[in-house]
Amino acid sequence: MVTDEPDGLRSTALDWLQMRTEDGREPVTREDILDFRFNDEPFRLQPPYQGIWKPKGFDAVLSIQTVFRRPGEQRPYEDAVGADGLFRYKWRGEDPNHSENRGLREAMRQRLPIIWFWGIAMSPARFQVIAPVFVVGEEPEHKQFVLATVDQEDVPDLNEYSALELAARKYIYRMAKTRVHQPVFRSTVLTAYENRCTVCSLGHPQLLDAAHIVPDKDPNGIASVVNGLSMYKIHHAAFDGYFLGIRPDYVVEIRNDLLEEIDGPMLKHGLQELHGRQLMTIPKSRRERPSRDHLEEKYELFRTATVKDVTA
């Protein structure tokens, strides 16, 4: 039995998770995570129930967990990320001196990397692995810790109001979205669509993207499955480029001028023949289906782009 933290365990765990998740691109199940072994012995990396995991005898927390929430419930990403691009994670309970809260402070003091298991599906439970993550601060007034995907030494001082502050905030926020938002959003969307393209039902995840309906740079571009579509990469590019539109009633339209082109089988079978068809795959859960309001907003942009291109 391990009674203190073994040397090399964190780095071994991080390397193993990176390999197991294909550099963080693919989610894992609880059973997958239980496959981890250290020195040829099974070692638990994930909390069995609670959100914070400090193995017996450890001074510092090893991992944290965020449970999956369906649309309409509390959204983990929107709650966790701040305008500064840093993340917040609530204390365990109300007592600041709870052993798990002390364990997060110890991870901060030692600048130790921790693992974040972010729930993206249930039945079976699946998690996006975000690692390494560092505890870079604490906000006792809100009973929460501040996390970043970089070590504290690399986090600019956002308390200094200078010309560099805005650039620093943008840099951290962009980095957070790259490390956390994008893989979580992709996994959540592809899981809801059972790893199939909504337009053509192609079932190879390596060839699929999670397309935002309303771009994430837009104020309405929320990081939620209801603002996402699982799409074959060509269809994603066509959707973003307004060659392909999707009506709020889930019917596909192809831009008029494109329908008249003659340019080989890819155009004919990959786009033109989709015109007027219903989406082939949508989430079984109504709460995970694309928002009709978001589709309407995007479709109006498609119609505007179509008119411009036809009359140009």
C-alpha atoms as a PDB file:
ATOM      1  CA  MET A   1       0.000   0.000   0.000  1.00  0.00           C
ATOM      2  CA  VAL A   2       1.270   3.490  -0.914  1.00  0.00           C
ATOM      3  CA  THR A   3       1.581   5.691   2.157  1.00  0.00           C
ATOM      4  CA  ASP A   4       3.214   8.718   0.555  1.00  0.00           C
ATOM      5  CA  GLU A   5       3.631  10.089  -2.945  1.00  0.00           C
ATOM      6  CA  PRO A   6       6.122   8.047  -4.951  1.00  0.00           C
ATOM      7  CA  ASP A   7       8.748   9.872  -6.985  1.00  0.00           C
ATOM      8  CA  GLY A   8       7.862  10.032 -10.642  1.00  0.00           C
ATOM      9  CA  LEU A   9       4.214   9.081 -10.251  1.00  0.00           C
ATOM     10  CA  ARG A  10       2.781  12.352 -11.588  1.00  0.00           C
ATOM     11  CA  SER A  11       5.033  12.482 -14.621  1.00  0.00           C
ATOM     12  CA  THR A  12       4.348   8.820 -15.364  1.00  0.00           C
ATOM     13  CA  ALA A  13       0.603   9.380 -15.047  1.00  0.00           C
ATOM     14  CA  LEU A  14       0.691  12.457 -17.285  1.00  0.00           C
ATOM     15  CA  ASP A  15       2.678  10.615 -19.952  1.00  0.00           C
ATOM     16  CA  TRP A  16       0.324   7.625 -19.783  1.00  0.00           C
ATOM     17  CA  LEU A  17      -2.787   9.798 -20.073  1.00  0.00           C
ATOM     18  CA  GLN A  18      -1.295  11.722 -22.971  1.00  0.00           C
ATOM     19  CA  MET A  19      -0.723   8.452 -24.803  1.00  0.00           C
ATOM     20  CA  ARG A  20      -4.084   6.951 -23.828  1.00  0.00           C
ATOM     21  CA  THR A  21      -6.029  10.033 -24.968  1.00  0.00           C
ATOM     22  CA  GLU A  22      -3.974  10.691 -28.126  1.00  0.00           C
ATOM     23  CA  ASP A  23      -2.566  13.940 -26.737  1.00  0.00           C
ATOM     24  CA  GLY A  24      -5.856  14.890 -25.097  1.00  0.00           C
ATOM     25  CA  ARG A  25      -7.987  14.553 -28.215  1.00  0.00           C
ATOM     26  CA  GLU A  26     -10.008  11.487 -27.203  1.00  0.00           C
ATOM     27  CA  PRO A  27     -12.105  10.984 -24.042  1.00  0.00           C
ATOM     28  CA  VAL A  28     -11.717   8.015 -21.718  1.00  0.00           C
ATOM     29  CA  THR A  29     -14.060   5.994 -19.520  1.00  0.00           C
ATOM     30  CA  ARG A  30     -13.634   5.202 -15.835  1.00  0.00           C
ATOM     31  CA  GLU A  31     -12.614   1.696 -16.852  1.00  0.00           C
ATOM     32  CA  ASP A  32      -9.935   3.086 -19.159  1.00  0.00           C
ATOM     33  CA  ILE A  33      -8.518   5.215 -16.349  1.00  0.00           C
ATOM     34  CA  LEU A  34      -8.395   2.212 -14.005  1.00  0.00           C
ATOM     35  CA  ASP A  35      -5.908   0.580 -16.396  1.00  0.00           C
ATOM     36  CA  PHE A  36      -3.121   2.839 -15.134  1.00  0.00           C
ATOM     37  CA  ARG A  37      -0.302   1.034 -13.334  1.00  0.00           C
ATOM     38  CA  PHE A  38       2.720   2.412 -11.501  1.00  0.00           C
ATOM     39  CA  ASN A  39       5.663   0.126 -10.784  1.00  0.00           C
ATOM     40  CA  ASP A  40       3.540  -2.740 -12.132  1.00  0.00           C
ATOM     41  CA  GLU A  41       0.809  -2.123  -9.565  1.00  0.00           C
ATOM     42  CA  PRO A  42      -2.677  -0.637 -10.185  1.00  0.00           C
ATOM     43  CA  PHE A  43      -2.917   2.948  -8.996  1.00  0.00           C
ATOM     44  CA  ARG A  44      -6.096   5.047  -8.906  1.00  0.00           C
ATOM     45  CA  LEU A  45      -5.812   8.383 -10.703  1.00  0.00           C
ATOM     46  CA  GLN A  46      -9.424   9.507 -10.499  1.00  0.00           C
ATOM     47  CA  PRO A  47     -11.663  10.262  -7.516  1.00  0.00           C
ATOM     48  CA  PRO A  48     -14.189   7.432  -7.099  1.00  0.00           C
ATOM     49  CA  TYR A  49     -17.044   9.746  -6.100  1.00  0.00           C
ATOM     50  CA  GLN A  50     -15.980  13.146  -4.792  1.00  0.00           C
ATOM     51  CA  GLY A  51     -14.527  15.875  -6.947  1.00  0.00           C
ATOM     52  CA  ILE A  52     -11.043  16.055  -5.410  1.00  0.00           C
ATOM     53  CA  TRP A  53      -8.676  13.097  -5.204  1.00  0.00           C
ATOM     54  CA  LYS A  54      -5.861  13.079  -2.640  1.00  0.00           C
ATOM     55  CA  PRO A  55      -4.695   9.478  -2.295  1.00  0.00           C
ATOM     56  CA  LYS A  56      -4.050   8.203   1.194  1.00  0.00           C
ATOM     57  CA  GLY A  57      -0.792   9.562   2.560  1.00  0.00           C
ATOM     58  CA  PHE A  58      -0.428  12.256  -0.122  1.00  0.00           C
ATOM     59  CA  ASP A  59       0.105  15.858   0.961  1.00  0.00           C
ATOM     60  CA  ALA A  60      -1.000  17.316  -2.376  1.00  0.00           C
ATOM     61  CA  VAL A  61      -4.034  16.615  -4.527  1.00  0.00           C
ATOM     62  CA  LEU A  62      -3.414  14.401  -7.561  1.00  0.00           C
ATOM     63  CA  SER A  63      -6.585  15.055  -9.571  1.00  0.00           C
ATOM     64  CA  ILE A  64      -9.941  16.795  -9.650  1.00  0.00           C
ATOM     65  CA  GLN A  65     -13.174  15.917 -11.405  1.00  0.00           C
ATOM     66  CA  THR A  66     -16.076  17.820 -12.955  1.00  0.00           C
ATOM     67  CA  VAL A  67     -19.243  15.827 -13.486  1.00  0.00           C
ATOM     68  CA  PHE A  68     -21.179  15.881 -16.747  1.00  0.00           C
ATOM     69  CA  ARG A  69     -24.184  18.207 -16.907  1.00  0.00           C
ATOM     70  CA  ARG A  70     -26.771  18.141 -19.661  1.00  0.00           C
ATOM     71  CA  PRO A  71     -27.910  21.336 -21.447  1.00  0.00           C
ATOM     72  CA  GLY A  72     -30.309  23.291 -19.282  1.00  0.00           C
ATOM     73  CA  GLU A  73     -28.455  22.263 -16.159  1.00  0.00           C
ATOM     74  CA  GLN A  74     -25.438  24.026 -14.712  1.00  0.00           C
ATOM     75  CA  ARG A  75     -22.786  24.183 -17.461  1.00  0.00           C
ATOM     76  CA  PRO A  76     -19.313  23.269 -16.164  1.00  0.00           C
ATOM     77  CA  TYR A  77     -17.296  25.157 -18.775  1.00  0.00           C
ATOM     78  CA  GLU A  78     -19.297  28.363 -18.541  1.00  0.00           C
ATOM     79  CA  ASP A  79     -19.153  28.270 -14.746  1.00  0.00           C
ATOM     80  CA  ALA A  80     -15.481  27.401 -14.526  1.00  0.00           C
ATOM     81  CA  VAL A  81     -13.790  29.789 -16.943  1.00  0.00           C
ATOM     82  CA  GLY A  82     -13.439  33.455 -16.094  1.00  0.00           C
ATOM     83  CA  ALA A  83     -12.962  36.504 -18.281  1.00  0.00           C
ATOM     84  CA  ASP A  84      -9.261  36.303 -17.471  1.00  0.00           C
ATOM     85  CA  GLY A  85      -9.011  32.869 -19.097  1.00  0.00           C
ATOM     86  CA  LEU A  86      -8.290  31.201 -15.748  1.00  0.00           C
ATOM     87  CA  PHE A  87     -10.488  28.518 -14.219  1.00  0.00           C
ATOM     88  CA  ARG A  88     -12.255  28.263 -10.893  1.00  0.00           C
ATOM     89  CA  TYR A  89     -12.821  25.122  -8.860  1.00  0.00           C
ATOM     90  CA  LYS A  90     -14.908  25.144  -5.699  1.00  0.00           C
ATOM     91  CA  TRP A  91     -13.631  24.139  -2.282  1.00  0.00           C
ATOM     92  CA  ARG A  92     -14.649  20.804  -0.877  1.00  0.00           C
ATOM     93  CA  GLY A  93     -17.427  21.774   1.509  1.00  0.00           C
ATOM     94  CA  GLU A  94     -17.424  24.929   3.610  1.00  0.00           C
ATOM     95  CA  ASP A  95     -14.355  24.308   5.741  1.00  0.00           C
ATOM     96  CA  PRO A  96     -11.232  25.940   4.266  1.00  0.00           C
ATOM     97  CA  ASN A  97      -9.135  23.496   6.288  1.00  0.00           C
ATOM     98  CA  HIS A  98     -10.751  20.367   4.891  1.00  0.00           C
ATOM     99  CA  SER A  99      -7.937  17.949   4.011  1.00  0.00           C
ATOM    100  CA  GLU A 100      -8.742  18.124   0.295  1.00  0.00           C
ATOM    101  CA  ASN A 101      -8.680  21.935   0.297  1.00  0.00           C
ATOM    102  CA  ARG A 102      -5.344  21.790   2.084  1.00  0.00           C
ATOM    103  CA  GLY A 103      -4.211  19.328  -0.569  1.00  0.00           C
ATOM    104  CA  LEU A 104      -4.979  21.807  -3.349  1.00  0.00           C
ATOM    105  CA  ARG A 105      -3.061  24.507  -1.485  1.00  0.00           C
ATOM    106  CA  GLU A 106      -0.135  22.122  -1.155  1.00  0.00           C
ATOM    107  CA  ALA A 107      -0.216  21.458  -4.896  1.00  0.00           C
ATOM    108  CA  MET A 108      -0.133  25.237  -5.374  1.00  0.00           C
ATOM    109  CA  ARG A 109       2.729  25.686  -2.902  1.00  0.00           C
ATOM    110  CA  GLN A 110       4.831  23.004  -4.589  1.00  0.00           C
ATOM    111  CA  ARG A 111       3.678  24.014  -8.102  1.00  0.00           C
ATOM    112  CA  LEU A 112       2.731  20.419  -8.784  1.00  0.00           C
ATOM    113  CA  PRO A 113       0.770  19.490 -11.913  1.00  0.00           C
ATOM    114  CA  ILE A 114      -2.644  17.974 -11.323  1.00  0.00           C
ATOM    115  CA  ILE A 115      -5.071  16.150 -13.613  1.00  0.00           C
ATOM    116  CA  TRP A 116      -8.545  17.424 -14.417  1.00  0.00           C
ATOM    117  CA  PHE A 117     -11.131  14.799 -15.439  1.00  0.00           C
ATOM    118  CA  TRP A 118     -13.895  16.742 -17.159  1.00  0.00           C
ATOM    119  CA  GLY A 119     -17.144  14.794 -17.619  1.00  0.00           C
ATOM    120  CA  ILE A 120     -18.516  14.907 -21.155  1.00  0.00           C
ATOM    121  CA  ALA A 121     -21.006  12.001 -21.106  1.00  0.00           C
ATOM    122  CA  MET A 122     -22.767   9.523 -18.850  1.00  0.00           C
ATOM    123  CA  SER A 123     -23.883   5.887 -19.245  1.00  0.00           C
ATOM    124  CA  PRO A 124     -21.071   5.095 -19.541  1.00  0.00           C
ATOM    125  CA  ALA A 125     -19.328   8.011 -17.907  1.00  0.00           C
ATOM    126  CA  ARG A 126     -16.663   9.508 -20.128  1.00  0.00           C
ATOM    127  CA  PHE A 127     -14.120  12.189 -19.353  1.00  0.00           C
ATOM    128  CA  GLN A 128     -11.931  14.599 -21.241  1.00  0.00           C
ATOM    129  CA  VAL A 129      -8.490  14.665 -19.649  1.00  0.00           C
ATOM    130  CA  ILE A 130      -7.050  18.134 -19.154  1.00  0.00           C
ATOM    131  CA  ALA A 131      -3.480  17.913 -17.960  1.00  0.00           C
ATOM    132  CA  PRO A 132      -1.310  19.296 -16.665  1.00  0.00           C
ATOM    133  CA  VAL A 133      -3.295  21.889 -14.729  1.00  0.00           C
ATOM    134  CA  PHE A 134      -1.811  24.060 -11.989  1.00  0.00           C
ATOM    135  CA  VAL A 135      -3.378  25.692  -8.935  1.00  0.00           C
ATOM    136  CA  VAL A 136      -2.238  29.304  -9.269  1.00  0.00           C
ATOM    137  CA  GLY A 137      -4.365  31.078  -6.681  1.00  0.00           C
ATOM    138  CA  GLU A 138      -7.245  31.003  -4.229  1.00  0.00           C
ATOM    139  CA  GLU A 139     -10.304  33.206  -3.782  1.00  0.00           C
ATOM    140  CA  PRO A 140     -11.496  32.533  -0.222  1.00  0.00           C
ATOM    141  CA  GLU A 141     -14.336  35.033  -0.524  1.00  0.00           C
ATOM    142  CA  HIS A 142     -15.821  32.782  -3.212  1.00  0.00           C
ATOM    143  CA  LYS A 143     -14.636  29.523  -1.629  1.00  0.00           C
ATOM    144  CA  GLN A 144     -12.729  28.480  -4.713  1.00  0.00           C
ATOM    145  CA  PHE A 145      -9.295  27.926  -6.215  1.00  0.00           C
ATOM    146  CA  VAL A 146      -7.894  29.465  -9.377  1.00  0.00           C
ATOM    147  CA  LEU A 147      -6.474  27.051 -11.957  1.00  0.00           C
ATOM    148  CA  ALA A 148      -4.462  27.520 -15.131  1.00  0.00           C
ATOM    149  CA  THR A 149      -3.134  25.278 -17.852  1.00  0.00           C
ATOM    150  CA  VAL A 150       0.312  26.780 -17.298  1.00  0.00           C
ATOM    151  CA  ASP A 151       2.488  27.056 -14.199  1.00  0.00           C
ATOM    152  CA  GLN A 152       2.203  30.159 -12.042  1.00  0.00           C
ATOM    153  CA  GLU A 153       5.546  31.452 -13.286  1.00  0.00           C
ATOM    154  CA  ASP A 154       4.043  31.700 -16.782  1.00  0.00           C
ATOM    155  CA  VAL A 155       0.854  33.518 -15.748  1.00  0.00           C
ATOM    156  CA  PRO A 156       1.229  37.291 -16.308  1.00  0.00           C
ATOM    157  CA  ASP A 157       0.388  39.534 -13.376  1.00  0.00           C
ATOM    158  CA  LEU A 158      -3.134  40.615 -14.230  1.00  0.00           C
ATOM    159  CA  ASN A 159      -3.331  42.920 -11.217  1.00  0.00           C
ATOM    160  CA  GLU A 160      -1.053  45.452 -12.886  1.00  0.00           C
ATOM    161  CA  TYR A 161      -3.178  47.716 -15.043  1.00  0.00           C
ATOM    162  CA  SER A 162      -0.832  48.436 -17.899  1.00  0.00           C
ATOM    163  CA  ALA A 163      -0.882  48.414 -21.675  1.00  0.00           C
ATOM    164  CA  LEU A 164       0.143  44.758 -21.524  1.00  0.00           C
ATOM    165  CA  GLU A 165      -2.842  43.623 -19.448  1.00  0.00           C
ATOM    166  CA  LEU A 166      -5.300  43.269 -22.318  1.00  0.00           C
ATOM    167  CA  ALA A 167      -2.786  41.327 -24.389  1.00  0.00           C
ATOM    168  CA  ALA A 168      -2.020  39.088 -21.413  1.00  0.00           C
ATOM    169  CA  ARG A 169      -5.697  38.375 -20.817  1.00  0.00           C
ATOM    170  CA  LYS A 170      -6.272  37.591 -24.479  1.00  0.00           C
ATOM    171  CA  TYR A 171      -3.249  35.298 -24.526  1.00  0.00           C
ATOM    172  CA  ILE A 172      -4.334  33.333 -21.461  1.00  0.00           C
ATOM    173  CA  TYR A 173      -7.940  33.119 -22.624  1.00  0.00           C
ATOM    174  CA  ARG A 174      -6.884  31.885 -26.072  1.00  0.00           C
ATOM    175  CA  MET A 175      -4.570  29.315 -24.485  1.00  0.00           C
ATOM    176  CA  ALA A 176      -7.342  28.151 -22.136  1.00  0.00           C
ATOM    177  CA  LYS A 177      -9.737  27.691 -25.037  1.00  0.00           C
ATOM    178  CA  THR A 178      -7.137  25.711 -26.958  1.00  0.00           C
ATOM    179  CA  ARG A 179      -6.269  23.442 -24.040  1.00  0.00           C
ATOM    180  CA  VAL A 180      -9.713  23.074 -22.464  1.00  0.00           C
ATOM    181  CA  HIS A 181     -12.636  24.440 -24.460  1.00  0.00           C
ATOM    182  CA  GLN A 182     -11.855  22.917 -27.848  1.00  0.00           C
ATOM    183  CA  PRO A 183     -11.323  19.276 -26.801  1.00  0.00           C
ATOM    184  CA  VAL A 184     -14.213  19.370 -24.308  1.00  0.00           C
ATOM    185  CA  PHE A 185     -16.552  20.924 -26.863  1.00  0.00           C
ATOM    186  CA  ARG A 186     -15.495  18.441 -29.558  1.00  0.00           C
ATOM    187  CA  SER A 187     -15.928  15.393 -27.350  1.00  0.00           C
ATOM    188  CA  THR A 188     -19.283  16.564 -26.007  1.00  0.00           C
ATOM    189  CA  VAL A 189     -20.666  17.237 -29.474  1.00  0.00           C
ATOM    190  CA  LEU A 190     -19.344  14.055 -31.103  1.00  0.00           C
ATOM    191  CA  THR A 191     -20.657  11.988 -28.201  1.00  0.00           C
ATOM    192  CA  ALA A 192     -24.131  13.513 -28.543  1.00  0.00           C
ATOM    193  CA  TYR A 193     -24.111  12.642 -32.270  1.00  0.00           C
ATOM    194  CA  GLU A 194     -22.728   9.146 -31.594  1.00  0.00           C
ATOM    195  CA  ASN A 195     -19.588   9.945 -33.611  1.00  0.00           C
ATOM    196  CA  ARG A 196     -21.495  10.510 -36.844  1.00  0.00           C
ATOM    197  CA  CYS A 197     -21.760  13.448 -39.210  1.00  0.00           C
ATOM    198  CA  THR A 198     -25.106  15.187 -38.847  1.00  0.00           C
ATOM    199  CA  VAL A 199     -25.254  15.836 -42.616  1.00  0.00           C
ATOM    200  CA  CYS A 200     -24.153  12.531 -44.162  1.00  0.00           C
ATOM    201  CA  SER A 201     -23.901  10.119 -41.167  1.00  0.00           C
ATOM    202  CA  LEU A 202     -20.220   9.359 -41.782  1.00  0.00           C
ATOM    203  CA  GLY A 203     -19.040   7.426 -38.742  1.00  0.00           C
ATOM    204  CA  HIS A 204     -15.265   7.944 -38.503  1.00  0.00           C
ATOM    205  CA  PRO A 205     -14.398  10.339 -35.619  1.00  0.00           C
ATOM    206  CA  GLN A 206     -10.961  11.073 -37.090  1.00  0.00           C
ATOM    207  CA  LEU A 207     -12.715  12.743 -40.034  1.00  0.00           C
ATOM    208  CA  LEU A 208     -15.248  14.672 -37.925  1.00  0.00           C
ATOM    209  CA  ASP A 209     -15.195  18.144 -36.395  1.00  0.00           C
ATOM    210  CA  ALA A 210     -17.378  19.800 -33.802  1.00  0.00           C
ATOM    211  CA  ALA A 211     -18.665  22.793 -35.754  1.00  0.00           C
ATOM    212  CA  HIS A 212     -19.969  25.849 -33.932  1.00  0.00           C
ATOM    213  CA  ILE A 213     -23.310  27.028 -35.278  1.00  0.00           C
ATOM    214  CA  VAL A 214     -22.776  30.547 -33.982  1.00  0.00           C
ATOM    215  CA  PRO A 215     -18.992  31.191 -33.893  1.00  0.00           C
ATOM    216  CA  ASP A 216     -17.436  31.093 -30.437  1.00  0.00           C
ATOM    217  CA  LYS A 217     -16.109  34.635 -30.912  1.00  0.00           C
ATOM    218  CA  ASP A 218     -19.728  35.826 -31.106  1.00  0.00           C
ATOM    219  CA  PRO A 219     -21.469  36.757 -27.805  1.00  0.00           C
ATOM    220  CA  ASN A 220     -24.088  34.072 -28.563  1.00  0.00           C
ATOM    221  CA  GLY A 221     -21.456  31.481 -29.443  1.00  0.00           C
ATOM    222  CA  ILE A 222     -21.775  29.504 -26.232  1.00  0.00           C
ATOM    223  CA  ALA A 223     -19.593  26.499 -25.511  1.00  0.00           C
ATOM    224  CA  SER A 224     -22.507  24.083 -25.396  1.00  0.00           C
ATOM    225  CA  VAL A 225     -23.622  21.054 -27.367  1.00  0.00           C
ATOM    226  CA  VAL A 226     -26.768  22.949 -28.452  1.00  0.00           C
ATOM    227  CA  ASN A 227     -24.471  25.318 -30.355  1.00  0.00           C
ATOM    228  CA  GLY A 228     -22.593  22.481 -32.029  1.00  0.00           C
ATOM    229  CA  LEU A 229     -22.903  20.093 -34.947  1.00  0.00           C
ATOM    230  CA  SER A 230     -20.891  16.966 -35.618  1.00  0.00           C
ATOM    231  CA  MET A 231     -19.662  17.373 -39.186  1.00  0.00           C
ATOM    232  CA  TYR A 232     -17.422  15.718 -41.750  1.00  0.00           C
ATOM    233  CA  LYS A 233     -14.523  18.116 -42.268  1.00  0.00           C
ATOM    234  CA  ILE A 234     -15.584  19.088 -45.808  1.00  0.00           C
ATOM    235  CA  HIS A 235     -19.122  19.815 -44.638  1.00  0.00           C
ATOM    236  CA  HIS A 236     -17.738  21.849 -41.740  1.00  0.00           C
ATOM    237  CA  ALA A 237     -15.706  24.001 -44.146  1.00  0.00           C
ATOM    238  CA  ALA A 238     -18.733  24.370 -46.425  1.00  0.00           C
ATOM    239  CA  PHE A 239     -20.934  25.327 -43.449  1.00  0.00           C
ATOM    240  CA  ASP A 240     -18.485  27.951 -42.187  1.00  0.00           C
ATOM    241  CA  GLY A 241     -17.980  29.276 -45.714  1.00  0.00           C
ATOM    242  CA  TYR A 242     -21.743  29.563 -46.403  1.00  0.00           C
ATOM    243  CA  PHE A 243     -21.679  27.027 -49.218  1.00  0.00           C
ATOM    244  CA  LEU A 244     -23.959  24.855 -47.077  1.00  0.00           C
ATOM    245  CA  GLY A 245     -26.788  26.055 -44.852  1.00  0.00           C
ATOM    246  CA  ILE A 246     -29.038  24.322 -42.356  1.00  0.00           C
ATOM    247  CA  ARG A 247     -32.550  25.601 -41.813  1.00  0.00           C
ATOM    248  CA  PRO A 248     -34.081  25.662 -38.324  1.00  0.00           C
ATOM    249  CA  ASP A 249     -36.260  22.687 -39.379  1.00  0.00           C
ATOM    250  CA  TYR A 250     -33.033  20.668 -39.905  1.00  0.00           C
ATOM    251  CA  VAL A 251     -33.138  20.769 -43.711  1.00  0.00           C
ATOM    252  CA  VAL A 252     -29.867  21.190 -45.626  1.00  0.00           C
ATOM    253  CA  GLU A 253     -29.552  23.768 -48.385  1.00  0.00           C
ATOM    254  CA  ILE A 254     -26.697  24.260 -50.835  1.00  0.00           C
ATOM    255  CA  ARG A 255     -25.898  27.680 -52.241  1.00  0.00           C
ATOM    256  CA  ASN A 256     -27.692  28.259 -55.554  1.00  0.00           C
ATOM    257  CA  ASP A 257     -24.638  29.009 -57.647  1.00  0.00           C
ATOM    258  CA  LEU A 258     -22.930  25.880 -56.322  1.00  0.00           C
ATOM    259  CA  LEU A 259     -25.880  23.755 -57.416  1.00  0.00           C
ATOM    260  CA  GLU A 260     -25.281  24.846 -60.993  1.00  0.00           C
ATOM    261  CA  GLU A 261     -21.564  24.043 -61.073  1.00  0.00           C
ATOM    262  CA  ILE A 262     -20.116  20.965 -62.725  1.00  0.00           C
ATOM    263  CA  ASP A 263     -16.892  19.967 -61.001  1.00  0.00           C
ATOM    264  CA  GLY A 264     -16.633  16.237 -60.503  1.00  0.00           C
ATOM    265  CA  PRO A 265     -18.061  13.599 -58.143  1.00  0.00           C
ATOM    266  CA  MET A 266     -17.040  15.241 -54.856  1.00  0.00           C
ATOM    267  CA  LEU A 267     -19.127  18.318 -55.548  1.00  0.00           C
ATOM    268  CA  LYS A 268     -22.020  16.268 -56.925  1.00  0.00           C
ATOM    269  CA  HIS A 269     -22.216  13.580 -54.235  1.00  0.00           C
ATOM    270  CA  GLY A 270     -20.586  15.433 -51.340  1.00  0.00           C
ATOM    271  CA  LEU A 271     -22.608  18.635 -51.529  1.00  0.00           C
ATOM    272  CA  GLN A 272     -25.137  19.054 -54.360  1.00  0.00           C
ATOM    273  CA  GLU A 273     -27.084  15.871 -53.592  1.00  0.00           C
ATOM    274  CA  LEU A 274     -27.549  17.017 -49.985  1.00  0.00           C
ATOM    275  CA  HIS A 275     -29.755  19.922 -51.062  1.00  0.00           C
ATOM    276  CA  GLY A 276     -33.247  19.623 -49.585  1.00  0.00           C
ATOM    277  CA  ARG A 277     -32.413  16.647 -47.354  1.00  0.00           C
ATOM    278  CA  GLN A 278     -33.081  16.401 -43.651  1.00  0.00           C
ATOM    279  CA  LEU A 279     -30.104  16.067 -41.331  1.00  0.00           C
ATOM    280  CA  MET A 280     -29.270  12.376 -41.130  1.00  0.00           C
ATOM    281  CA  THR A 281     -28.077  12.269 -37.513  1.00  0.00           C
ATOM    282  CA  ILE A 282     -29.253  14.342 -34.555  1.00  0.00           C
ATOM    283  CA  PRO A 283     -28.875  13.677 -30.827  1.00  0.00           C
ATOM    284  CA  LYS A 284     -31.415  11.333 -29.273  1.00  0.00           C
ATOM    285  CA  SER A 285     -31.815  13.637 -26.289  1.00  0.00           C
ATOM    286  CA  ARG A 286     -33.925  16.679 -27.155  1.00  0.00           C
ATOM    287  CA  ARG A 287     -31.886  18.755 -24.727  1.00  0.00           C
ATOM    288  CA  GLU A 288     -28.751  18.094 -26.788  1.00  0.00           C
ATOM    289  CA  ARG A 289     -30.211  18.923 -30.188  1.00  0.00           C
ATOM    290  CA  PRO A 290     -29.074  22.062 -32.020  1.00  0.00           C
ATOM    291  CA  SER A 291     -30.779  25.240 -30.903  1.00  0.00           C
ATOM    292  CA  ARG A 292     -33.278  26.426 -33.486  1.00  0.00           C
ATOM    293  CA  ASP A 293     -32.508  30.018 -32.520  1.00  0.00           C
ATOM    294  CA  HIS A 294     -28.823  29.466 -33.267  1.00  0.00           C
ATOM    295  CA  LEU A 295     -29.658  27.711 -36.536  1.00  0.00           C
ATOM    296  CA  GLU A 296     -31.931  30.606 -37.526  1.00  0.00           C
ATOM    297  CA  GLU A 297     -29.161  33.117 -36.837  1.00  0.00           C
ATOM    298  CA  LYS A 298     -26.662  31.127 -38.906  1.00  0.00           C
ATOM    299  CA  TYR A 299     -29.179  30.424 -41.681  1.00  0.00           C
ATOM    300  CA  GLU A 300     -29.890  34.141 -42.146  1.00  0.00           C
ATOM    301  CA  LEU A 301     -26.166  34.695 -42.684  1.00  0.00           C
ATOM    302  CA  PHE A 302     -26.187  31.831 -45.215  1.00  0.00           C
ATOM    303  CA  ARG A 303     -29.118  33.401 -47.088  1.00  0.00           C
ATOM    304  CA  THR A 304     -27.363  36.789 -47.132  1.00  0.00           C
ATOM    305  CA  ALA A 305     -24.149  35.217 -48.439  1.00  0.00           C
ATOM    306  CA  THR A 306     -26.111  33.326 -51.111  1.00  0.00           C
ATOM    307  CA  VAL A 307     -27.783  36.491 -52.391  1.00  0.00           C
ATOM    308  CA  LYS A 308     -24.490  38.375 -52.517  1.00  0.00           C
ATOM    309  CA  ASP A 309     -22.716  35.609 -54.445  1.00  0.00           C
ATOM    310  CA  VAL A 310     -25.552  35.101 -56.920  1.00  0.00           C
ATOM    311  CA  THR A 311     -25.958  38.819 -57.671  1.00  0.00           C
ATOM    312  CA  ALA A 312     -22.217  39.618 -57.729  1.00  0.00           C
END
